[in-house]
Protein backbone atom coordinates (compact mmCIF):
# COMPACT_ATOMS: atom_id res chain seq x y z
CA MET A 1 0.85 0.66 14.56
CA LYS A 2 2.81 0.65 11.32
CA ALA A 3 1.31 -0.68 8.07
CA LEU A 4 2.39 -0.84 4.45
CA PHE A 5 -0.39 0.07 2.04
CA ASP A 6 -0.44 -1.98 -1.15
CA THR A 7 -1.03 -0.14 -4.41
CA ASN A 8 -4.59 -1.38 -4.85
CA VAL A 9 -5.75 0.12 -1.53
CA VAL A 10 -4.37 3.55 -2.35
CA ILE A 11 -5.88 3.48 -5.83
CA ASP A 12 -9.24 2.38 -4.39
CA TYR A 13 -9.22 5.59 -2.40
CA LEU A 14 -7.88 7.94 -5.06
CA VAL A 15 -10.25 6.90 -7.85
CA GLN A 16 -13.11 6.06 -5.47
CA ARG A 17 -13.24 2.51 -6.78
CA GLN A 18 -16.40 0.81 -5.56
CA PRO A 19 -17.11 -1.09 -3.41
CA PHE A 20 -13.64 -0.68 -1.90
CA TYR A 21 -13.47 3.11 -1.53
CA GLU A 22 -15.11 3.36 1.89
CA SER A 23 -12.75 0.99 3.69
CA ALA A 24 -9.69 2.58 2.04
CA ARG A 25 -10.97 6.02 3.07
CA ARG A 26 -11.47 4.90 6.65
CA LEU A 27 -7.93 3.52 6.85
CA LEU A 28 -6.48 6.77 5.54
CA GLU A 29 -8.54 8.68 8.11
CA MET A 30 -6.91 6.51 10.76
CA VAL A 31 -3.52 7.51 9.34
CA LEU A 32 -4.49 11.18 9.56
CA ALA A 33 -5.66 10.65 13.14
CA GLY A 34 -2.28 9.14 14.06
CA GLU A 35 -3.73 5.70 14.80
CA ILE A 36 -1.78 4.10 11.96
CA LYS A 37 1.60 5.02 10.53
CA GLY A 38 0.92 4.43 6.85
CA ILE A 39 3.74 3.63 4.47
CA ILE A 40 4.01 3.11 0.72
CA SER A 41 7.07 2.17 -1.27
CA ALA A 42 8.52 4.51 -3.87
CA GLY A 43 7.73 1.93 -6.53
CA THR A 44 4.09 2.12 -5.54
CA VAL A 45 4.10 5.84 -6.30
CA THR A 46 4.92 5.32 -9.97
CA ASP A 47 2.25 2.62 -10.27
CA ILE A 48 -0.28 4.93 -8.62
CA TYR A 49 0.63 7.76 -10.97
CA TYR A 50 0.23 5.59 -14.06
CA ILE A 51 -3.21 4.29 -13.05
CA VAL A 52 -4.60 7.49 -11.54
CA ALA A 53 -3.45 9.61 -14.50
CA LYS A 54 -5.69 7.48 -16.73
CA HIS A 55 -8.67 8.51 -14.61
CA ILE A 56 -7.96 12.17 -13.88
CA GLY A 57 -5.12 13.27 -16.14
CA SER A 58 -1.40 13.71 -15.61
CA LYS A 59 -1.39 17.12 -13.94
CA GLN A 60 -4.09 16.20 -11.42
CA ALA A 61 -2.41 12.86 -10.74
CA ILE A 62 0.82 14.64 -9.77
CA GLY A 63 -1.12 16.93 -7.42
CA THR A 64 -2.87 13.96 -5.91
CA ILE A 65 0.42 12.18 -5.30
CA LYS A 66 1.85 15.29 -3.65
CA ASP A 67 -1.17 15.33 -1.31
CA LEU A 68 -0.75 11.63 -0.67
CA ALA A 69 2.90 12.16 0.30
CA GLU A 70 1.71 14.42 3.11
CA VAL A 71 -0.37 11.58 4.56
CA LEU A 72 1.61 8.41 3.86
CA GLU A 73 5.33 8.02 4.36
CA ILE A 74 7.07 7.13 1.12
CA THR A 75 10.00 4.80 1.61
CA ASP A 76 12.60 3.78 -0.89
CA THR A 77 13.10 0.25 -2.12
CA LYS A 78 16.59 -0.95 -1.37
CA ALA A 79 18.73 -3.56 -3.07
CA SER A 80 18.36 -5.67 0.07
CA ASP A 81 14.58 -5.63 -0.44
CA ILE A 82 15.03 -7.10 -3.91
CA GLU A 83 17.33 -9.80 -2.51
CA GLU A 84 14.77 -10.60 0.19
CA ALA A 85 11.98 -10.71 -2.41
CA PHE A 86 13.87 -13.44 -4.31
CA LYS A 87 14.00 -15.51 -1.12
CA LEU A 88 10.28 -15.07 -0.47
CA ASP A 89 9.47 -16.83 -3.73
CA PHE A 90 6.04 -15.23 -4.22
CA PRO A 91 4.12 -15.95 -7.43
CA ASP A 92 4.08 -12.18 -8.10
CA PHE A 93 7.49 -10.54 -7.76
CA GLU A 94 6.03 -7.05 -7.21
CA ASP A 95 4.12 -8.38 -4.18
CA ALA A 96 7.31 -10.03 -2.90
CA VAL A 97 9.10 -6.67 -3.08
CA GLN A 98 6.24 -5.00 -1.20
CA CYS A 99 6.49 -7.70 1.46
CA ALA A 100 10.26 -7.31 1.71
CA VAL A 101 9.87 -3.58 2.28
CA ALA A 102 7.31 -4.28 5.02
CA ILE A 103 9.71 -6.76 6.65
CA ARG A 104 12.58 -4.27 6.62
CA LEU A 105 10.41 -1.53 8.12
CA LYS A 106 9.01 -3.91 10.74
CA ALA A 107 5.45 -3.20 9.66
CA GLU A 108 2.77 -4.98 11.63
CA TYR A 109 0.44 -5.27 8.66
CA ILE A 110 0.27 -5.12 4.91
CA PHE A 111 -3.09 -3.73 3.79
CA THR A 112 -4.14 -5.20 0.46
CA ARG A 113 -7.19 -6.55 -1.30
CA ASN A 114 -5.05 -9.34 -2.77
CA VAL A 115 -4.51 -11.23 0.47
CA LYS A 116 -4.13 -14.57 -1.33
CA ASP A 117 -1.15 -13.20 -3.27
CA PHE A 118 0.70 -12.67 0.02
CA ARG A 119 0.16 -16.17 1.47
CA ARG A 120 3.87 -16.61 2.10
CA SER A 121 4.26 -13.29 3.91
CA PRO A 122 5.82 -13.32 7.36
CA VAL A 123 4.10 -9.95 7.91
CA ALA A 124 0.39 -10.13 8.75
CA VAL A 125 -1.66 -9.42 5.63
CA ILE A 126 -5.24 -8.21 5.80
CA SER A 127 -7.78 -6.50 3.60
CA PRO A 128 -8.94 -3.04 4.65
CA ALA A 129 -12.50 -4.31 5.20
CA ALA A 130 -11.33 -7.22 7.39
CA TYR A 131 -9.08 -4.94 9.45
CA LEU A 132 -11.93 -2.50 10.07
CA GLU A 133 -14.28 -5.34 11.03
CA LYS A 134 -11.75 -6.46 13.67
CA GLY A 135 -12.36 -3.14 15.33
């Protein structure tokens, strides 16, 4: 199963943001176990760096991102993703780009805590907690 991880889920794990850390951790364990092919967009990486560096410092944030790159596949954002994002007409353009990347990669899910922001997504959108409850 292939899933795109939204920025907030990855940050929940990296900075152990409560009460969301546990479900993010469990999803990443599923990636490590080969049950999920986890993907993040290259744009997500810069957002993660910016936020995580505030918590743990620049040098540690870079190390953390290097470790993350060994677990999650980092994919580039293409011009066609931007064009698709315009068509999706989401309230938040960044979310539309994430969705467009998921569409291109034929992801089965987008994992995010901001499910309502992805209402128009043709890709199934689910929070980590809801996905884990599904079993």
